[in-house]
């Protein structure tokens, strides 16, 4: 089953569903409407980059991918469009910050630093991630090792089931799948913050440090406003991850619904927790 899901993920285009879900949630959740409208504008840019990675249509597009080809493609063909979409649809502070970075930064160097997990400002991180992640998502999983991306795991964790098996990135969000059988719980998946790979992970384990003691793994929910979303926290490492329950909302798209969970993010922060990986829009 996991092999089948991986094969489907490499051939299906996920962006129309993301666009549709972002439109739906923007109308449902006023607190997230502005960010989801920006995301809708970004989807057009990112889908194009994704498809151009899958099916190169211009002579200047890479036919083989290495670190330099990835950086050049993102900077030349994706990043300027991300800036245009952000200026057209983003909030003022983000627009101003992105314009400042675009006009003054070493853009190839910025993308390389993001790929190497080096420190960046929030505006730099946004630009690099919005430009590179759809390209990484469009590449075959077998091509990612050739990019020599460093593991994003914490010190001392060279190999871990808590980091992406394809690119070594940190998990962005988790979700409970629908099993298809009434009395059987579906598996829990993690979604990579870097290349969007999905992989199965233990249901009652911290995705940050591996803690399995249930007394140290608090769960926070807002049953009234967003009942299909929850915070999975950990008192051992003081990190958390948002989880989407597809059993409660089968239409949910984890990477989109996670953007609408700002009230849960703020509550988790109030509880002294830090997100394992902030999402594309910085939450």
C-alpha atoms as a PDB file:
ATOM      1  CA  UNK A   1       0.000   0.000   0.000  1.00  0.00           C
ATOM      2  CA  UNK A   2       2.771   2.453   0.866  1.00  0.00           C
ATOM      3  CA  UNK A   3       4.511   1.738  -2.454  1.00  0.00           C
ATOM      4  CA  UNK A   4       1.239   2.332  -4.302  1.00  0.00           C
ATOM      5  CA  UNK A   5       0.671   5.638  -2.506  1.00  0.00           C
ATOM      6  CA  UNK A   6       4.211   6.718  -3.357  1.00  0.00           C
ATOM      7  CA  UNK A   7       3.660   5.892  -7.025  1.00  0.00           C
ATOM      8  CA  UNK A   8       0.403   7.851  -7.106  1.00  0.00           C
ATOM      9  CA  UNK A   9       2.067  10.814  -5.382  1.00  0.00           C
ATOM     10  CA  UNK A  10       4.724  10.952  -8.104  1.00  0.00           C
ATOM     11  CA  UNK A  11       2.199  11.015 -10.971  1.00  0.00           C
ATOM     12  CA  UNK A  12      -0.774  12.997  -9.623  1.00  0.00           C
ATOM     13  CA  UNK A  13      -0.946  16.791  -9.665  1.00  0.00           C
ATOM     14  CA  UNK A  14      -1.833  17.910  -6.108  1.00  0.00           C
ATOM     15  CA  UNK A  15      -2.223  21.617  -6.873  1.00  0.00           C
ATOM     16  CA  UNK A  16      -5.854  21.823  -8.101  1.00  0.00           C
ATOM     17  CA  UNK A  17      -7.049  20.271  -4.833  1.00  0.00           C
ATOM     18  CA  UNK A  18      -4.888  22.691  -2.855  1.00  0.00           C
ATOM     19  CA  UNK A  19      -6.292  25.647  -4.777  1.00  0.00           C
ATOM     20  CA  UNK A  20      -9.882  24.490  -4.267  1.00  0.00           C
ATOM     21  CA  UNK A  21      -9.363  23.856  -0.562  1.00  0.00           C
ATOM     22  CA  UNK A  22      -7.674  27.225  -0.011  1.00  0.00           C
ATOM     23  CA  UNK A  23     -10.652  28.972  -1.610  1.00  0.00           C
ATOM     24  CA  UNK A  24     -13.067  27.010   0.571  1.00  0.00           C
ATOM     25  CA  UNK A  25     -11.194  27.695   3.815  1.00  0.00           C
ATOM     26  CA  UNK A  26     -10.716  31.395   3.021  1.00  0.00           C
ATOM     27  CA  UNK A  27     -14.491  31.720   2.967  1.00  0.00           C
ATOM     28  CA  UNK A  28     -14.916  29.670   6.139  1.00  0.00           C
ATOM     29  CA  UNK A  29     -12.218  31.123   8.422  1.00  0.00           C
ATOM     30  CA  UNK A  30     -11.972  34.890   8.533  1.00  0.00           C
ATOM     31  CA  UNK A  31      -8.819  34.782  10.668  1.00  0.00           C
ATOM     32  CA  UNK A  32      -6.979  32.985   7.866  1.00  0.00           C
ATOM     33  CA  UNK A  33      -8.601  34.621   4.824  1.00  0.00           C
ATOM     34  CA  UNK A  34      -5.747  37.005   3.998  1.00  0.00           C
ATOM     35  CA  UNK A  35      -3.060  34.332   4.193  1.00  0.00           C
ATOM     36  CA  UNK A  36      -5.146  31.849   2.219  1.00  0.00           C
ATOM     37  CA  UNK A  37      -5.754  34.407  -0.528  1.00  0.00           C
ATOM     38  CA  UNK A  38      -1.996  34.843  -0.790  1.00  0.00           C
ATOM     39  CA  UNK A  39      -1.603  31.072  -0.879  1.00  0.00           C
ATOM     40  CA  UNK A  40      -4.104  30.879  -3.743  1.00  0.00           C
ATOM     41  CA  UNK A  41      -1.952  33.328  -5.707  1.00  0.00           C
ATOM     42  CA  UNK A  42       1.173  31.311  -4.918  1.00  0.00           C
ATOM     43  CA  UNK A  43      -0.460  28.066  -6.030  1.00  0.00           C
ATOM     44  CA  UNK A  44      -0.549  29.279  -9.635  1.00  0.00           C
ATOM     45  CA  UNK A  45       3.199  29.967  -9.537  1.00  0.00           C
ATOM     46  CA  UNK A  46       4.098  26.809  -7.658  1.00  0.00           C
ATOM     47  CA  UNK A  47       1.959  24.534  -9.808  1.00  0.00           C
ATOM     48  CA  UNK A  48       3.693  25.891 -12.902  1.00  0.00           C
ATOM     49  CA  UNK A  49       7.111  25.253 -11.359  1.00  0.00           C
ATOM     50  CA  UNK A  50       6.040  21.769 -10.306  1.00  0.00           C
ATOM     51  CA  UNK A  51       4.809  20.854 -13.781  1.00  0.00           C
ATOM     52  CA  UNK A  52       7.854  22.351 -15.482  1.00  0.00           C
ATOM     53  CA  UNK A  53      10.015  20.197 -13.219  1.00  0.00           C
ATOM     54  CA  UNK A  54       8.016  17.086 -14.079  1.00  0.00           C
ATOM     55  CA  UNK A  55       7.868  17.846 -17.813  1.00  0.00           C
ATOM     56  CA  UNK A  56      10.562  20.313 -18.999  1.00  0.00           C
ATOM     57  CA  UNK A  57       9.192  22.200 -21.995  1.00  0.00           C
ATOM     58  CA  UNK A  58      11.940  24.715 -22.729  1.00  0.00           C
ATOM     59  CA  UNK A  59      15.536  24.085 -23.828  1.00  0.00           C
ATOM     60  CA  UNK A  60      16.881  26.087 -20.895  1.00  0.00           C
ATOM     61  CA  UNK A  61      15.131  23.886 -18.326  1.00  0.00           C
ATOM     62  CA  UNK A  62      17.399  21.239 -16.739  1.00  0.00           C
ATOM     63  CA  UNK A  63      17.211  17.692 -18.043  1.00  0.00           C
ATOM     64  CA  UNK A  64      19.373  16.469 -15.158  1.00  0.00           C
ATOM     65  CA  UNK A  65      19.235  17.963 -11.679  1.00  0.00           C
ATOM     66  CA  UNK A  66      22.090  18.793  -9.371  1.00  0.00           C
ATOM     67  CA  UNK A  67      22.461  21.530  -6.733  1.00  0.00           C
ATOM     68  CA  UNK A  68      23.517  24.226  -9.232  1.00  0.00           C
ATOM     69  CA  UNK A  69      20.671  23.410 -11.656  1.00  0.00           C
ATOM     70  CA  UNK A  70      18.165  23.527  -8.830  1.00  0.00           C
ATOM     71  CA  UNK A  71      19.388  26.912  -7.610  1.00  0.00           C
ATOM     72  CA  UNK A  72      19.528  28.436 -11.099  1.00  0.00           C
ATOM     73  CA  UNK A  73      16.062  27.183 -12.045  1.00  0.00           C
ATOM     74  CA  UNK A  74      14.475  28.436  -8.828  1.00  0.00           C
ATOM     75  CA  UNK A  75      16.126  31.870  -9.033  1.00  0.00           C
ATOM     76  CA  UNK A  76      15.530  32.460 -12.737  1.00  0.00           C
ATOM     77  CA  UNK A  77      12.144  30.844 -13.360  1.00  0.00           C
ATOM     78  CA  UNK A  78      10.258  30.700 -10.059  1.00  0.00           C
ATOM     79  CA  UNK A  79      11.415  33.321  -7.560  1.00  0.00           C
ATOM     80  CA  UNK A  80      10.491  36.422  -9.651  1.00  0.00           C
ATOM     81  CA  UNK A  81       6.966  35.026 -10.067  1.00  0.00           C
ATOM     82  CA  UNK A  82       6.734  34.405  -6.320  1.00  0.00           C
ATOM     83  CA  UNK A  83       7.633  38.052  -5.774  1.00  0.00           C
ATOM     84  CA  UNK A  84       4.972  39.191  -8.259  1.00  0.00           C
ATOM     85  CA  UNK A  85       2.286  37.045  -6.612  1.00  0.00           C
ATOM     86  CA  UNK A  86       3.260  38.283  -3.151  1.00  0.00           C
ATOM     87  CA  UNK A  87       3.230  41.934  -4.184  1.00  0.00           C
ATOM     88  CA  UNK A  88      -0.180  41.472  -5.804  1.00  0.00           C
ATOM     89  CA  UNK A  89      -1.845  39.485  -3.019  1.00  0.00           C
ATOM     90  CA  UNK A  90       0.238  39.556   0.173  1.00  0.00           C
ATOM     91  CA  UNK A  91      -0.117  41.720   3.294  1.00  0.00           C
ATOM     92  CA  UNK A  92       1.804  45.004   3.293  1.00  0.00           C
ATOM     93  CA  UNK A  93       4.553  43.939   5.694  1.00  0.00           C
ATOM     94  CA  UNK A  94       5.309  40.795   3.709  1.00  0.00           C
ATOM     95  CA  UNK A  95       5.226  42.694   0.409  1.00  0.00           C
ATOM     96  CA  UNK A  96       7.685  45.286   1.655  1.00  0.00           C
ATOM     97  CA  UNK A  97       9.996  42.662   3.128  1.00  0.00           C
ATOM     98  CA  UNK A  98      10.012  40.555  -0.023  1.00  0.00           C
ATOM     99  CA  UNK A  99      10.711  43.552  -2.251  1.00  0.00           C
ATOM    100  CA  UNK A 100      13.622  44.534  -0.013  1.00  0.00           C
ATOM    101  CA  UNK A 101      15.135  41.056  -0.227  1.00  0.00           C
ATOM    102  CA  UNK A 102      14.583  40.787  -3.986  1.00  0.00           C
ATOM    103  CA  UNK A 103      16.256  44.138  -4.651  1.00  0.00           C
ATOM    104  CA  UNK A 104      19.264  43.717  -2.381  1.00  0.00           C
ATOM    105  CA  UNK A 105      20.011  40.059  -1.629  1.00  0.00           C
ATOM    106  CA  UNK A 106      22.316  37.572  -3.307  1.00  0.00           C
ATOM    107  CA  UNK A 107      19.423  35.436  -4.509  1.00  0.00           C
ATOM    108  CA  UNK A 108      21.404  32.331  -5.561  1.00  0.00           C
ATOM    109  CA  UNK A 109      23.252  32.496  -2.243  1.00  0.00           C
ATOM    110  CA  UNK A 110      19.967  32.878  -0.388  1.00  0.00           C
ATOM    111  CA  UNK A 111      18.525  29.742  -2.024  1.00  0.00           C
ATOM    112  CA  UNK A 112      21.729  27.777  -1.336  1.00  0.00           C
ATOM    113  CA  UNK A 113      21.621  28.789   2.333  1.00  0.00           C
ATOM    114  CA  UNK A 114      18.003  27.663   2.647  1.00  0.00           C
ATOM    115  CA  UNK A 115      18.856  24.320   1.070  1.00  0.00           C
ATOM    116  CA  UNK A 116      21.748  23.925   3.515  1.00  0.00           C
ATOM    117  CA  UNK A 117      19.563  24.800   6.535  1.00  0.00           C
ATOM    118  CA  UNK A 118      21.563  27.953   7.267  1.00  0.00           C
ATOM    119  CA  UNK A 119      19.950  30.833   9.209  1.00  0.00           C
ATOM    120  CA  UNK A 120      17.798  33.235   7.193  1.00  0.00           C
ATOM    121  CA  UNK A 121      15.438  36.073   8.010  1.00  0.00           C
ATOM    122  CA  UNK A 122      11.706  35.286   7.815  1.00  0.00           C
ATOM    123  CA  UNK A 123      11.389  37.135   4.489  1.00  0.00           C
ATOM    124  CA  UNK A 124      14.372  35.282   3.033  1.00  0.00           C
ATOM    125  CA  UNK A 125      13.004  31.959   4.239  1.00  0.00           C
ATOM    126  CA  UNK A 126       9.621  32.688   2.686  1.00  0.00           C
ATOM    127  CA  UNK A 127      11.105  33.575  -0.702  1.00  0.00           C
ATOM    128  CA  UNK A 128      13.459  30.601  -0.824  1.00  0.00           C
ATOM    129  CA  UNK A 129      10.908  28.075   0.358  1.00  0.00           C
ATOM    130  CA  UNK A 130       8.104  29.316  -1.879  1.00  0.00           C
ATOM    131  CA  UNK A 131      10.450  29.130  -4.871  1.00  0.00           C
ATOM    132  CA  UNK A 132      12.286  25.857  -4.229  1.00  0.00           C
ATOM    133  CA  UNK A 133       9.784  23.556  -2.510  1.00  0.00           C
ATOM    134  CA  UNK A 134       7.527  23.036  -5.572  1.00  0.00           C
ATOM    135  CA  UNK A 135      10.601  22.102  -7.602  1.00  0.00           C
ATOM    136  CA  UNK A 136      11.687  19.579  -4.970  1.00  0.00           C
ATOM    137  CA  UNK A 137       8.148  18.224  -4.896  1.00  0.00           C
ATOM    138  CA  UNK A 138       8.136  17.806  -8.664  1.00  0.00           C
ATOM    139  CA  UNK A 139      11.387  15.872  -8.786  1.00  0.00           C
ATOM    140  CA  UNK A 140      11.275  12.066  -8.640  1.00  0.00           C
ATOM    141  CA  UNK A 141      12.053  10.880  -5.128  1.00  0.00           C
ATOM    142  CA  UNK A 142      14.980   8.942  -6.611  1.00  0.00           C
ATOM    143  CA  UNK A 143      16.537  12.209  -7.850  1.00  0.00           C
ATOM    144  CA  UNK A 144      16.620  13.952  -4.465  1.00  0.00           C
ATOM    145  CA  UNK A 145      19.787  12.217  -3.137  1.00  0.00           C
ATOM    146  CA  UNK A 146      21.782  13.726  -6.030  1.00  0.00           C
ATOM    147  CA  UNK A 147      21.073  17.191  -4.593  1.00  0.00           C
ATOM    148  CA  UNK A 148      23.122  16.366  -1.468  1.00  0.00           C
ATOM    149  CA  UNK A 149      20.625  18.066   0.837  1.00  0.00           C
ATOM    150  CA  UNK A 150      21.675  17.933   4.496  1.00  0.00           C
ATOM    151  CA  UNK A 151      19.461  16.225   7.023  1.00  0.00           C
ATOM    152  CA  UNK A 152      17.461  18.754   8.963  1.00  0.00           C
ATOM    153  CA  UNK A 153      17.394  16.566  12.072  1.00  0.00           C
ATOM    154  CA  UNK A 154      18.731  17.782  15.370  1.00  0.00           C
ATOM    155  CA  UNK A 155      22.302  17.298  16.593  1.00  0.00           C
ATOM    156  CA  UNK A 156      23.197  13.638  16.961  1.00  0.00           C
ATOM    157  CA  UNK A 157      20.350  12.410  14.755  1.00  0.00           C
ATOM    158  CA  UNK A 158      21.995  11.328  11.526  1.00  0.00           C
ATOM    159  CA  UNK A 159      19.192   8.973  10.529  1.00  0.00           C
ATOM    160  CA  UNK A 160      15.714   9.116  12.047  1.00  0.00           C
ATOM    161  CA  UNK A 161      12.182   8.171  11.112  1.00  0.00           C
ATOM    162  CA  UNK A 162      11.285  11.678  12.257  1.00  0.00           C
ATOM    163  CA  UNK A 163      12.922  13.260   9.210  1.00  0.00           C
ATOM    164  CA  UNK A 164      11.882  12.866   5.587  1.00  0.00           C
ATOM    165  CA  UNK A 165      13.106   9.625   3.981  1.00  0.00           C
ATOM    166  CA  UNK A 166      13.437  11.400   0.621  1.00  0.00           C
ATOM    167  CA  UNK A 167      15.282  14.639   1.417  1.00  0.00           C
ATOM    168  CA  UNK A 168      15.956  14.645   5.179  1.00  0.00           C
ATOM    169  CA  UNK A 169      13.627  17.594   5.845  1.00  0.00           C
ATOM    170  CA  UNK A 170      11.620  18.205   9.015  1.00  0.00           C
ATOM    171  CA  UNK A 171       7.921  17.325   9.198  1.00  0.00           C
ATOM    172  CA  UNK A 172       5.509  20.198   8.553  1.00  0.00           C
ATOM    173  CA  UNK A 173       2.228  18.601   9.549  1.00  0.00           C
ATOM    174  CA  UNK A 174       0.800  15.168  10.282  1.00  0.00           C
ATOM    175  CA  UNK A 175      -2.510  13.620   9.365  1.00  0.00           C
ATOM    176  CA  UNK A 176      -4.652  10.612  10.178  1.00  0.00           C
ATOM    177  CA  UNK A 177      -5.666   8.845   6.983  1.00  0.00           C
ATOM    178  CA  UNK A 178      -9.019   7.182   6.373  1.00  0.00           C
ATOM    179  CA  UNK A 179      -8.637   3.416   6.562  1.00  0.00           C
ATOM    180  CA  UNK A 180     -11.696   2.462   4.538  1.00  0.00           C
ATOM    181  CA  UNK A 181     -12.857   0.080   7.290  1.00  0.00           C
ATOM    182  CA  UNK A 182     -15.296   1.262   9.943  1.00  0.00           C
ATOM    183  CA  UNK A 183     -13.534  -0.268  12.951  1.00  0.00           C
ATOM    184  CA  UNK A 184      -9.960   0.191  11.797  1.00  0.00           C
ATOM    185  CA  UNK A 185      -7.999   3.383  12.454  1.00  0.00           C
ATOM    186  CA  UNK A 186      -6.053   4.752   9.528  1.00  0.00           C
ATOM    187  CA  UNK A 187      -2.288   5.266   9.776  1.00  0.00           C
ATOM    188  CA  UNK A 188      -0.644   8.514  10.786  1.00  0.00           C
ATOM    189  CA  UNK A 189       1.500  10.234   8.174  1.00  0.00           C
ATOM    190  CA  UNK A 190       4.045  13.029   8.402  1.00  0.00           C
ATOM    191  CA  UNK A 191       4.432  15.525   5.533  1.00  0.00           C
ATOM    192  CA  UNK A 192       7.870  16.950   4.745  1.00  0.00           C
ATOM    193  CA  UNK A 193       8.265  20.725   5.006  1.00  0.00           C
ATOM    194  CA  UNK A 194      10.858  20.689   2.221  1.00  0.00           C
ATOM    195  CA  UNK A 195       9.678  18.309  -0.520  1.00  0.00           C
ATOM    196  CA  UNK A 196       6.136  17.320   0.626  1.00  0.00           C
ATOM    197  CA  UNK A 197       6.932  13.599   0.809  1.00  0.00           C
ATOM    198  CA  UNK A 198       4.472  11.683   3.030  1.00  0.00           C
ATOM    199  CA  UNK A 199       5.631   8.846   5.271  1.00  0.00           C
ATOM    200  CA  UNK A 200       4.010   6.657   7.923  1.00  0.00           C
ATOM    201  CA  UNK A 201       4.820   7.481  11.540  1.00  0.00           C
ATOM    202  CA  UNK A 202       3.748   6.105  14.903  1.00  0.00           C
ATOM    203  CA  UNK A 203       0.496   7.593  16.205  1.00  0.00           C
ATOM    204  CA  UNK A 204       1.583   8.132  19.828  1.00  0.00           C
ATOM    205  CA  UNK A 205       5.141   9.333  19.332  1.00  0.00           C
ATOM    206  CA  UNK A 206       6.529  12.882  19.353  1.00  0.00           C
ATOM    207  CA  UNK A 207       7.686  13.792  15.857  1.00  0.00           C
ATOM    208  CA  UNK A 208      10.262  16.099  17.418  1.00  0.00           C
ATOM    209  CA  UNK A 209      12.155  13.894  19.864  1.00  0.00           C
ATOM    210  CA  UNK A 210      10.584  10.437  19.750  1.00  0.00           C
ATOM    211  CA  UNK A 211       8.947  10.626  23.195  1.00  0.00           C
ATOM    212  CA  UNK A 212       6.330   7.883  23.663  1.00  0.00           C
ATOM    213  CA  UNK A 213       5.150   8.525  27.235  1.00  0.00           C
ATOM    214  CA  UNK A 214       1.539   9.606  26.789  1.00  0.00           C
ATOM    215  CA  UNK A 215       1.622  11.718  29.970  1.00  0.00           C
ATOM    216  CA  UNK A 216       4.187  13.968  28.258  1.00  0.00           C
ATOM    217  CA  UNK A 217       2.278  14.284  24.979  1.00  0.00           C
ATOM    218  CA  UNK A 218      -0.546  16.825  25.490  1.00  0.00           C
ATOM    219  CA  UNK A 219      -3.198  17.251  22.804  1.00  0.00           C
ATOM    220  CA  UNK A 220      -5.043  20.547  22.321  1.00  0.00           C
ATOM    221  CA  UNK A 221      -8.165  20.986  20.182  1.00  0.00           C
ATOM    222  CA  UNK A 222     -10.855  23.519  19.384  1.00  0.00           C
ATOM    223  CA  UNK A 223     -13.851  21.259  18.893  1.00  0.00           C
ATOM    224  CA  UNK A 224     -16.165  24.125  18.003  1.00  0.00           C
ATOM    225  CA  UNK A 225     -14.232  26.059  15.320  1.00  0.00           C
ATOM    226  CA  UNK A 226     -11.767  23.604  13.775  1.00  0.00           C
ATOM    227  CA  UNK A 227     -12.642  20.129  15.075  1.00  0.00           C
ATOM    228  CA  UNK A 228     -10.595  18.259  12.463  1.00  0.00           C
ATOM    229  CA  UNK A 229      -7.343  19.932  13.568  1.00  0.00           C
ATOM    230  CA  UNK A 230      -5.350  19.490  16.759  1.00  0.00           C
ATOM    231  CA  UNK A 231      -2.018  20.269  18.380  1.00  0.00           C
ATOM    232  CA  UNK A 232       0.194  17.292  19.199  1.00  0.00           C
ATOM    233  CA  UNK A 233       2.610  18.658  21.793  1.00  0.00           C
ATOM    234  CA  UNK A 234       5.530  17.244  23.746  1.00  0.00           C
ATOM    235  CA  UNK A 235       6.688  18.229  27.233  1.00  0.00           C
ATOM    236  CA  UNK A 236      10.041  16.488  26.747  1.00  0.00           C
ATOM    237  CA  UNK A 237      11.278  18.680  23.876  1.00  0.00           C
ATOM    238  CA  UNK A 238       8.621  21.440  24.096  1.00  0.00           C
ATOM    239  CA  UNK A 239       7.847  21.175  20.394  1.00  0.00           C
ATOM    240  CA  UNK A 240       4.564  20.549  18.632  1.00  0.00           C
ATOM    241  CA  UNK A 241       3.052  19.549  15.320  1.00  0.00           C
ATOM    242  CA  UNK A 242      -0.413  20.200  13.950  1.00  0.00           C
ATOM    243  CA  UNK A 243      -2.398  17.109  12.997  1.00  0.00           C
ATOM    244  CA  UNK A 244      -5.241  16.957  10.483  1.00  0.00           C
ATOM    245  CA  UNK A 245      -7.847  14.222  10.997  1.00  0.00           C
ATOM    246  CA  UNK A 246      -9.217  13.184   7.606  1.00  0.00           C
ATOM    247  CA  UNK A 247     -11.764  10.998   9.382  1.00  0.00           C
ATOM    248  CA  UNK A 248     -13.455  14.174  10.605  1.00  0.00           C
ATOM    249  CA  UNK A 249     -13.148  16.077   7.333  1.00  0.00           C
ATOM    250  CA  UNK A 250     -12.421  13.937   4.305  1.00  0.00           C
ATOM    251  CA  UNK A 251     -12.070  17.049   2.120  1.00  0.00           C
ATOM    252  CA  UNK A 252      -9.136  18.362   4.138  1.00  0.00           C
ATOM    253  CA  UNK A 253      -5.782  18.892   2.417  1.00  0.00           C
ATOM    254  CA  UNK A 254      -3.193  18.789   5.222  1.00  0.00           C
ATOM    255  CA  UNK A 255      -0.712  21.355   3.863  1.00  0.00           C
ATOM    256  CA  UNK A 256      -3.584  23.808   3.239  1.00  0.00           C
ATOM    257  CA  UNK A 257      -5.672  23.184   6.346  1.00  0.00           C
ATOM    258  CA  UNK A 258      -2.556  23.652   8.475  1.00  0.00           C
ATOM    259  CA  UNK A 259      -2.422  27.262   7.225  1.00  0.00           C
ATOM    260  CA  UNK A 260      -5.881  27.866   8.706  1.00  0.00           C
ATOM    261  CA  UNK A 261      -4.888  26.672  12.184  1.00  0.00           C
ATOM    262  CA  UNK A 262      -3.481  29.970  13.487  1.00  0.00           C
ATOM    263  CA  UNK A 263      -5.622  29.928  16.682  1.00  0.00           C
ATOM    264  CA  UNK A 264      -4.119  26.545  17.566  1.00  0.00           C
ATOM    265  CA  UNK A 265      -0.616  27.807  16.790  1.00  0.00           C
ATOM    266  CA  UNK A 266      -1.124  30.762  19.114  1.00  0.00           C
ATOM    267  CA  UNK A 267      -2.481  28.524  21.864  1.00  0.00           C
ATOM    268  CA  UNK A 268       0.469  26.139  21.540  1.00  0.00           C
ATOM    269  CA  UNK A 269       2.879  29.060  21.809  1.00  0.00           C
ATOM    270  CA  UNK A 270       1.056  30.229  24.952  1.00  0.00           C
ATOM    271  CA  UNK A 271       1.697  26.750  26.367  1.00  0.00           C
ATOM    272  CA  UNK A 272       5.435  27.214  25.867  1.00  0.00           C
ATOM    273  CA  UNK A 273       5.695  25.031  22.759  1.00  0.00           C
ATOM    274  CA  UNK A 274       7.618  25.716  19.543  1.00  0.00           C
ATOM    275  CA  UNK A 275       6.530  24.354  16.179  1.00  0.00           C
ATOM    276  CA  UNK A 276       8.836  21.727  14.708  1.00  0.00           C
ATOM    277  CA  UNK A 277       8.794  23.616  11.409  1.00  0.00           C
ATOM    278  CA  UNK A 278       6.937  26.875  10.732  1.00  0.00           C
ATOM    279  CA  UNK A 279       4.764  26.694   7.640  1.00  0.00           C
ATOM    280  CA  UNK A 280       5.312  28.566   4.374  1.00  0.00           C
ATOM    281  CA  UNK A 281       3.636  31.694   5.757  1.00  0.00           C
ATOM    282  CA  UNK A 282       5.702  31.705   8.943  1.00  0.00           C
ATOM    283  CA  UNK A 283       3.216  30.287  11.447  1.00  0.00           C
END
